[in-house]
Amino acid sequence: MSPRRAEVRGASARLRLTLSYAGFLLVTGALLLAVVWAFLLRYVPPDAIWVDTQFFPGRDDLVRAFVPRALGALGALLLVGLVGGWILAGRMLAPLERMTKVTRQVSAGALGARIELAGPPDEFRELAEAFDTMLDRLEAHVAEQERFAANASHELRTPLAITQAMLDVARKEPPADSAPLVDRLWTVNARAIELTEALLLLGRSGRRGFAREAVDLSLLVEEAVETLLPRAESRGVTIEVAGDPVLAAGSSALLSQVASNLVLNAILHNLPAGGRSTITTWEAGGRALLSVENTGARLSEELVATLTEPFRRGSERTRADDSGVGLGLAIVQSIAQAHDGSLTLRPRPGGGMIAIVALPPATPPARRLRGEGHHGER
C-alpha cells in the first residue's frame, strides 16, 4: 500500500464546504450585531429615563432584551447555514462524484465508461468533456496497442514457424547437402531480425526526448538514395531528386530514418518494374516539406488511409515480393508526430502514391551544414 493510501481520510469536501457556508453566515450575523452596537446602542444612555410618566429604557435594558434574541438569531443562522450549506455543497459536488465513479470504472478496466455530464456549460462540464476526450484517446490508444501486439505476434510467429518446420524436416530426413537449408534459415532469420529491429525503432520513435538540431532534408534524401540505389537498379526503378536545401528542426538520426523508409517504400512498391520515383524537398507555409512520389499500381483512397497502420502493405502482390516488414510508413508517421509534424498520403492519379512529410523549420544560420558531407547531384 502506498503512503498516500495509508493516510487517514479527513473531513470530506462536502462537510468542509458546509462548515464554510455556516461560518460565513455566523460571521455576517456577528458583523451586523457589531454595526448595531457601533451605530445605535452606543449612543443610548446607560440608565433608564422617566419623563413625566413615560419610560425610556436605557442601554442596559436594551442589551438585556436584545442579546438573547440576537443569540437566537445567530443559532438560527447556524442551523440554516448547516442545512442549506449541506444541500448546496451536495449539488455543487455532484459532478465530481460522477467523475469519481467513472474514474473508478476506468481503473477497473471499463474503458468505455464516460461522464457525459449534462447541464450548463460551466467549469465542471468543461472538465468532464476534457476528461471524456482523454478517455476516447486512451481507449483508441489501447485498442491500437492491442492490434499492434496481435499483429506483431503474428508477424514474428511466421519466420519462427518456418524455421521450426525446416528443422523438423531436416531432423527426420537429413539432407545430403545442407547448404540450401542453411541459406534458407539465414534468410528467414535475417527477416526476423529486421522485423525485431523495426519494432524496437517504432517503439522509440514516438518519444520526444531527443535533442533538436538543424537538419538538411535534402542531404538526408541524397544519402538515402545513394544507399538504396543498388536496390532501385535491381528493380529497374529510376529515382529523380529535386528541390532546394531545406532545414528542419529535429533529430538527424530519426529524420534520416524517415527519408530512408520513404525512399525504400517507393522502390519496393513501384510495380511493375521500370517505374519512376521523384523526391522533392522545399519550404512553404512555414514548414519544411519532403515529398516522395512513385509510380505503381492504382490505389484507392480507402487503402491509402490505412497504410500507416503497422503491418499494412499496399497489395498482396508486394507482400510476396520482398516488401519489407510492413512498418515503414508507421515509423515515418510516428517520427513525424514526435517532431510536431505530419505525414500525408494520397494516391497518385496515374497509379502509385504520393507521401509528404511536413516538419517544423530550423533557424537559417545552420545552412552551413549544406556544404558538409555533400554527395553531389544525382
Protein backbone atom coordinates (compact mmCIF):
# COMPACT_ATOMS: atom_id res chain seq x y z
CA MET A 1 0.00 0.00 0.00
CA SER A 2 1.39 3.41 -0.94
CA PRO A 3 1.89 6.11 1.72
CA ARG A 4 -0.88 8.17 0.12
CA ARG A 5 -3.38 5.34 0.52
CA ALA A 6 -2.22 4.74 4.09
CA GLU A 7 -3.21 8.25 5.19
CA VAL A 8 -6.31 8.57 7.37
CA ARG A 9 -9.09 10.21 5.41
CA GLY A 10 -10.05 13.60 6.78
CA ALA A 11 -13.27 15.54 6.50
CA SER A 12 -15.00 15.35 3.17
CA ALA A 13 -15.14 18.31 0.81
CA ARG A 14 -18.90 18.47 1.29
CA LEU A 15 -18.52 18.80 5.08
CA ARG A 16 -15.81 21.44 4.72
CA LEU A 17 -17.96 23.46 2.33
CA THR A 18 -20.95 23.14 4.68
CA LEU A 19 -18.93 24.42 7.63
CA SER A 20 -17.61 27.23 5.44
CA TYR A 21 -21.15 28.30 4.48
CA ALA A 22 -22.32 28.17 8.14
CA GLY A 23 -19.25 30.03 9.37
CA PHE A 24 -19.78 32.72 6.73
CA LEU A 25 -23.37 33.25 7.91
CA LEU A 26 -22.28 33.45 11.55
CA VAL A 27 -19.58 35.99 10.76
CA THR A 28 -22.05 38.03 8.73
CA GLY A 29 -24.58 37.98 11.59
CA ALA A 30 -21.92 38.96 14.10
CA LEU A 31 -20.88 41.89 11.90
CA LEU A 32 -24.49 43.07 11.72
CA LEU A 33 -24.74 43.00 15.52
CA ALA A 34 -21.48 44.88 15.76
CA VAL A 35 -22.86 47.52 13.39
CA VAL A 36 -26.00 47.82 15.58
CA TRP A 37 -23.82 48.32 18.65
CA ALA A 38 -21.44 50.74 16.98
CA PHE A 39 -24.03 52.97 15.34
CA LEU A 40 -27.07 52.67 17.60
CA LEU A 41 -26.73 51.29 21.12
CA ARG A 42 -23.58 53.20 21.98
CA TYR A 43 -25.50 56.49 21.72
CA VAL A 44 -28.24 55.37 24.15
CA PRO A 45 -27.73 56.45 27.80
CA PRO A 46 -26.81 53.56 30.06
CA ASP A 47 -29.61 54.21 32.58
CA ALA A 48 -33.36 54.34 32.00
CA ILE A 49 -35.05 57.75 31.97
CA TRP A 50 -38.53 58.75 33.21
CA VAL A 51 -40.02 61.81 31.61
CA ASP A 52 -43.23 62.57 33.46
CA THR A 53 -45.00 59.23 33.21
CA GLN A 54 -43.23 58.00 30.08
CA PHE A 55 -40.44 55.41 30.43
CA PHE A 56 -37.38 55.47 28.15
CA PRO A 57 -35.26 52.31 28.51
CA GLY A 58 -31.52 52.68 28.89
CA ARG A 59 -28.70 50.90 27.13
CA ASP A 60 -28.56 48.15 29.74
CA ASP A 61 -32.27 47.46 29.32
CA LEU A 62 -31.91 47.28 25.55
CA VAL A 63 -28.91 44.96 25.82
CA ARG A 64 -30.75 42.60 28.21
CA ALA A 65 -33.69 42.45 25.83
CA PHE A 66 -31.64 42.30 22.60
CA VAL A 67 -28.83 39.85 23.40
CA PRO A 68 -30.97 36.69 23.94
CA ARG A 69 -32.85 37.31 20.74
CA ALA A 70 -29.60 38.07 18.87
CA LEU A 71 -28.12 34.81 20.11
CA GLY A 72 -31.28 33.00 18.99
CA ALA A 73 -30.95 34.61 15.57
CA LEU A 74 -27.32 33.51 15.34
CA GLY A 75 -28.34 29.97 16.28
CA ALA A 76 -30.98 30.03 13.55
CA LEU A 77 -28.39 31.30 11.08
CA LEU A 78 -26.08 28.46 12.10
CA LEU A 79 -28.82 25.89 11.55
CA VAL A 80 -29.76 27.39 8.19
CA GLY A 81 -26.08 27.52 7.20
CA LEU A 82 -25.52 23.86 8.11
CA VAL A 83 -28.65 22.52 6.40
CA GLY A 84 -28.54 24.84 3.40
CA GLY A 85 -24.79 24.50 3.06
CA TRP A 86 -25.03 20.68 3.10
CA ILE A 87 -27.67 20.77 0.35
CA LEU A 88 -25.82 23.35 -1.76
CA ALA A 89 -22.47 21.56 -1.37
CA GLY A 90 -24.09 18.30 -2.45
CA ARG A 91 -25.48 19.92 -5.57
CA MET A 92 -22.17 21.59 -6.37
CA LEU A 93 -20.11 18.44 -5.84
CA ALA A 94 -22.46 16.06 -7.66
CA PRO A 95 -20.41 16.32 -10.93
CA LEU A 96 -17.25 15.40 -9.01
CA GLU A 97 -18.96 12.34 -7.56
CA ARG A 98 -19.89 11.22 -11.07
CA MET A 99 -16.32 11.83 -12.27
CA THR A 100 -15.02 9.76 -9.36
CA LYS A 101 -17.42 6.94 -10.21
CA VAL A 102 -16.37 6.91 -13.86
CA THR A 103 -12.69 7.08 -12.90
CA ARG A 104 -13.07 4.01 -10.72
CA GLN A 105 -14.84 2.18 -13.55
CA VAL A 106 -11.99 3.05 -15.93
CA SER A 107 -9.43 1.95 -13.33
CA ALA A 108 -11.26 -1.37 -13.13
CA GLY A 109 -10.89 -1.83 -16.90
CA ALA A 110 -14.14 -0.35 -18.26
CA LEU A 111 -12.52 1.98 -20.81
CA GLY A 112 -15.87 2.60 -22.47
CA ALA A 113 -17.28 4.47 -19.45
CA ARG A 114 -17.88 8.19 -19.96
CA ILE A 115 -19.03 11.05 -17.73
CA GLU A 116 -21.33 12.73 -20.29
CA LEU A 117 -22.18 15.50 -17.84
CA ALA A 118 -25.33 17.45 -18.62
CA GLY A 119 -26.15 20.96 -17.51
CA PRO A 120 -24.92 24.47 -18.23
CA PRO A 121 -21.51 24.95 -19.87
CA ASP A 122 -19.63 25.74 -16.65
CA GLU A 123 -16.21 24.73 -15.34
CA PHE A 124 -17.38 21.28 -14.24
CA ARG A 125 -18.83 20.47 -17.64
CA GLU A 126 -15.67 21.71 -19.36
CA LEU A 127 -13.60 19.45 -17.10
CA ALA A 128 -15.92 16.49 -17.76
CA GLU A 129 -15.71 16.98 -21.55
CA ALA A 130 -11.92 17.20 -21.37
CA PHE A 131 -11.87 14.01 -19.30
CA ASP A 132 -14.15 12.22 -21.79
CA THR A 133 -11.89 13.33 -24.65
CA MET A 134 -8.89 11.94 -22.79
CA LEU A 135 -10.74 8.63 -22.28
CA ASP A 136 -11.57 8.49 -26.00
CA ARG A 137 -7.90 8.86 -26.87
CA LEU A 138 -6.88 6.38 -24.19
CA GLU A 139 -9.36 3.78 -25.42
CA ALA A 140 -8.23 4.27 -29.02
CA HIS A 141 -4.57 4.02 -27.97
CA VAL A 142 -5.17 0.82 -26.00
CA ALA A 143 -7.09 -0.69 -28.92
CA GLU A 144 -4.26 0.29 -31.28
CA GLN A 145 -1.68 -1.25 -28.96
CA GLU A 146 -3.70 -4.47 -28.73
CA ARG A 147 -3.93 -4.65 -32.53
CA PHE A 148 -0.24 -3.90 -32.80
CA ALA A 149 0.66 -6.61 -30.28
CA ALA A 150 -1.54 -9.14 -32.09
CA ASN A 151 -0.06 -8.23 -35.48
CA ALA A 152 3.49 -8.25 -34.12
CA SER A 153 2.96 -11.68 -32.58
CA HIS A 154 1.59 -12.97 -35.88
CA GLU A 155 4.43 -11.50 -37.91
CA LEU A 156 7.10 -12.83 -35.54
CA ARG A 157 5.44 -16.24 -35.36
CA THR A 158 5.68 -16.71 -39.14
CA PRO A 159 9.51 -16.81 -39.51
CA LEU A 160 9.82 -18.85 -36.32
CA ALA A 161 7.27 -21.38 -37.58
CA ILE A 162 9.07 -21.62 -40.94
CA THR A 163 12.38 -22.19 -39.16
CA GLN A 164 10.83 -24.85 -36.93
CA ALA A 165 9.29 -26.65 -39.90
CA MET A 166 12.58 -26.70 -41.83
CA LEU A 167 14.45 -28.01 -38.81
CA ASP A 168 11.83 -30.73 -38.21
CA VAL A 169 12.16 -31.92 -41.82
CA ALA A 170 15.96 -31.85 -41.56
CA ARG A 171 15.87 -33.94 -38.39
CA LYS A 172 13.63 -36.58 -39.95
CA GLU A 173 15.38 -36.65 -43.31
CA PRO A 174 18.89 -35.16 -43.04
CA PRO A 175 19.77 -33.60 -46.40
CA ALA A 176 22.87 -34.74 -48.25
CA ASP A 177 23.78 -31.13 -48.95
CA SER A 178 22.99 -28.77 -46.06
CA ALA A 179 23.97 -25.59 -47.90
CA PRO A 180 20.46 -24.85 -49.27
CA LEU A 181 18.95 -25.40 -45.81
CA VAL A 182 21.49 -23.09 -44.21
CA ASP A 183 20.77 -20.41 -46.83
CA ARG A 184 17.04 -20.61 -46.25
CA LEU A 185 17.47 -20.50 -42.46
CA TRP A 186 19.76 -17.49 -42.83
CA THR A 187 17.16 -15.68 -44.94
CA VAL A 188 14.33 -16.41 -42.51
CA ASN A 189 16.47 -15.40 -39.53
CA ALA A 190 17.54 -12.16 -41.22
CA ARG A 191 13.89 -11.26 -41.81
CA ALA A 192 13.07 -11.97 -38.15
CA ILE A 193 15.94 -9.71 -37.06
CA GLU A 194 14.78 -6.98 -39.44
CA LEU A 195 11.26 -7.18 -38.04
CA THR A 196 12.51 -7.07 -34.44
CA GLU A 197 14.67 -4.01 -35.14
CA ALA A 198 11.74 -2.29 -36.85
CA LEU A 199 9.52 -2.98 -33.83
CA LEU A 200 12.12 -1.52 -31.48
CA LEU A 201 12.51 1.55 -33.69
CA LEU A 202 8.75 2.05 -33.82
CA GLY A 203 8.63 1.87 -30.03
CA ARG A 204 11.36 4.51 -29.68
CA SER A 205 10.25 6.82 -32.47
CA GLY A 206 7.26 8.24 -30.61
CA ARG A 207 9.36 9.57 -27.74
CA ARG A 208 10.25 13.26 -27.66
CA GLY A 209 13.39 13.04 -25.56
CA PHE A 210 15.75 13.75 -28.46
CA ALA A 211 17.85 16.86 -28.96
CA ARG A 212 16.68 19.11 -31.79
CA GLU A 213 19.15 20.48 -34.30
CA ALA A 214 19.09 21.92 -37.80
CA VAL A 215 18.90 19.03 -40.28
CA ASP A 216 19.14 19.45 -44.04
CA LEU A 217 16.43 17.21 -45.52
CA SER A 218 17.99 17.35 -48.99
CA LEU A 219 21.22 15.84 -47.64
CA LEU A 220 19.30 13.06 -45.91
CA VAL A 221 17.50 12.31 -49.16
CA GLU A 222 20.77 12.14 -51.09
CA GLU A 223 22.27 9.77 -48.52
CA ALA A 224 19.18 7.54 -48.58
CA VAL A 225 19.14 7.44 -52.39
CA GLU A 226 22.86 6.65 -52.53
CA THR A 227 22.43 3.78 -50.07
CA LEU A 228 19.35 2.32 -51.77
CA LEU A 229 20.41 2.95 -55.38
CA PRO A 230 21.58 -0.67 -55.98
CA ARG A 231 18.19 -1.92 -54.83
CA ALA A 232 16.42 0.52 -57.14
CA GLU A 233 18.61 -0.51 -60.11
CA SER A 234 17.89 -4.18 -59.47
CA ARG A 235 14.18 -3.41 -59.81
CA GLY A 236 14.57 -1.04 -62.74
CA VAL A 237 13.29 1.96 -60.75
CA THR A 238 14.54 5.40 -61.81
CA ILE A 239 14.96 7.90 -58.96
CA GLU A 240 14.94 11.66 -59.50
CA VAL A 241 15.94 14.08 -56.73
CA ALA A 242 14.85 17.73 -56.97
CA GLY A 243 14.36 20.72 -54.73
CA ASP A 244 16.44 23.09 -52.65
CA PRO A 245 18.24 22.68 -49.34
CA VAL A 246 15.59 22.68 -46.59
CA LEU A 247 16.39 22.85 -42.90
CA ALA A 248 14.12 21.09 -40.41
CA ALA A 249 14.35 21.12 -36.62
CA GLY A 250 14.76 17.63 -35.22
CA SER A 251 16.90 14.56 -34.73
CA SER A 252 19.25 13.79 -37.61
CA ALA A 253 19.14 10.05 -36.91
CA LEU A 254 15.34 9.86 -36.79
CA LEU A 255 14.80 12.09 -39.82
CA SER A 256 17.36 10.01 -41.72
CA GLN A 257 15.16 7.01 -40.97
CA VAL A 258 12.19 8.94 -42.37
CA ALA A 259 13.99 9.60 -45.65
CA SER A 260 15.25 6.00 -45.92
CA ASN A 261 11.84 4.49 -45.21
CA LEU A 262 10.07 6.69 -47.75
CA VAL A 263 12.64 6.01 -50.48
CA LEU A 264 12.61 2.27 -49.75
CA ASN A 265 8.81 2.24 -49.79
CA ALA A 266 8.81 3.97 -53.18
CA ILE A 267 11.22 1.34 -54.53
CA LEU A 268 9.55 -1.76 -53.14
CA HIS A 269 6.02 -0.78 -54.17
CA ASN A 270 6.97 0.61 -57.57
CA LEU A 271 5.46 -2.25 -59.60
CA PRO A 272 5.64 -3.33 -62.32
CA ALA A 273 9.38 -2.97 -62.88
CA GLY A 274 10.68 0.04 -64.75
CA GLY A 275 8.83 2.64 -62.68
CA ARG A 276 9.90 6.06 -61.54
CA SER A 277 10.18 7.87 -58.20
CA THR A 278 10.55 11.61 -57.71
CA ILE A 279 11.80 13.02 -54.41
CA THR A 280 11.44 16.74 -53.72
CA THR A 281 12.33 18.98 -50.78
CA TRP A 282 11.10 22.54 -50.36
CA GLU A 283 9.80 25.01 -47.80
CA ALA A 284 6.32 26.50 -47.83
CA GLY A 285 3.81 27.82 -45.32
CA GLY A 286 6.39 27.88 -42.55
CA ARG A 287 7.05 24.13 -42.86
CA ALA A 288 9.94 22.06 -44.16
CA LEU A 289 8.50 19.61 -46.69
CA LEU A 290 9.72 16.31 -48.11
CA SER A 291 7.71 14.68 -50.89
CA VAL A 292 8.22 11.18 -52.35
CA GLU A 293 6.15 10.32 -55.42
CA ASN A 294 6.30 6.92 -57.07
CA THR A 295 4.53 5.16 -59.90
CA GLY A 296 2.89 1.78 -59.43
CA ALA A 297 -0.46 0.07 -59.17
CA ARG A 298 -3.61 2.13 -58.71
CA LEU A 299 -4.52 2.54 -55.05
CA SER A 300 -7.85 3.56 -53.60
CA GLU A 301 -8.10 6.37 -51.06
CA GLU A 302 -9.53 3.89 -48.54
CA LEU A 303 -6.46 1.66 -48.86
CA VAL A 304 -4.00 4.56 -48.71
CA ALA A 305 -5.64 5.79 -45.49
CA THR A 306 -4.71 2.50 -43.78
CA LEU A 307 -1.09 2.27 -44.93
CA THR A 308 0.26 3.99 -41.81
CA GLU A 309 -1.12 1.19 -39.66
CA PRO A 310 1.54 -1.33 -38.62
CA PHE A 311 1.92 -4.39 -40.90
CA ARG A 312 -0.27 -2.94 -43.66
CA ARG A 313 1.07 -3.30 -47.21
CA GLY A 314 -0.13 -1.92 -50.48
CA SER A 315 -1.20 -5.22 -52.01
CA GLU A 316 -0.80 -8.94 -51.70
CA ARG A 317 1.47 -8.84 -54.72
CA THR A 318 4.01 -6.68 -52.93
CA ARG A 319 3.65 -8.82 -49.81
CA ALA A 320 5.27 -11.73 -51.60
CA ASP A 321 7.84 -9.57 -53.36
CA ASP A 322 10.26 -8.59 -50.61
CA SER A 323 8.05 -5.74 -49.43
CA GLY A 324 9.69 -5.32 -46.04
CA VAL A 325 8.06 -5.92 -42.69
CA GLY A 326 5.10 -3.55 -43.09
CA LEU A 327 6.27 -0.96 -40.55
CA GLY A 328 7.99 1.63 -42.78
CA LEU A 329 5.16 4.17 -43.05
CA ALA A 330 4.06 3.56 -39.45
CA ILE A 331 7.59 4.51 -38.32
CA VAL A 332 7.59 7.58 -40.58
CA GLN A 333 4.31 8.80 -39.13
CA SER A 334 5.43 8.18 -35.55
CA ILE A 335 8.69 10.10 -36.10
CA ALA A 336 6.88 12.96 -37.84
CA GLN A 337 4.39 13.32 -34.98
CA ALA A 338 7.22 13.24 -32.43
CA HIS A 339 8.72 16.21 -34.32
CA ASP A 340 5.37 18.09 -34.22
CA GLY A 341 4.98 17.33 -37.92
CA SER A 342 2.70 15.21 -40.06
CA LEU A 343 2.66 12.57 -42.78
CA THR A 344 0.14 12.87 -45.61
CA LEU A 345 -0.53 10.02 -48.05
CA ARG A 346 -2.65 10.22 -51.17
CA PRO A 347 -3.00 8.06 -54.27
CA ARG A 348 -1.29 9.22 -57.44
CA PRO A 349 -3.75 9.80 -60.33
CA GLY A 350 -1.83 7.59 -62.75
CA GLY A 351 -1.09 4.89 -60.18
CA GLY A 352 1.25 4.76 -57.25
CA MET A 353 1.32 7.08 -54.25
CA ILE A 354 2.49 10.48 -53.02
CA ALA A 355 3.86 10.80 -49.48
CA ILE A 356 4.50 14.26 -47.99
CA VAL A 357 6.20 14.86 -44.63
CA ALA A 358 5.79 18.34 -43.11
CA LEU A 359 8.17 19.33 -40.30
CA PRO A 360 8.92 22.49 -38.29
CA PRO A 361 11.67 24.53 -39.97
CA ALA A 362 15.04 25.23 -38.35
CA THR A 363 16.74 28.57 -37.96
CA PRO A 364 18.58 29.88 -41.05
CA PRO A 365 22.10 30.22 -39.51
CA ALA A 366 22.66 26.46 -39.68
CA ARG A 367 22.57 26.48 -43.52
CA ARG A 368 26.29 25.99 -43.47
CA LEU A 369 25.53 22.29 -42.84
CA ARG A 370 24.60 22.07 -46.51
CA GLY A 371 28.25 22.15 -47.51
CA GLU A 372 29.28 19.37 -45.14
CA GLY A 373 29.20 15.84 -46.45
CA HIS A 374 27.69 16.80 -49.81
CA HIS A 375 27.45 13.82 -52.12
CA GLY A 376 26.77 15.63 -55.40
CA GLU A 377 23.73 15.69 -57.63
CA ARG A 378 22.08 12.56 -58.90
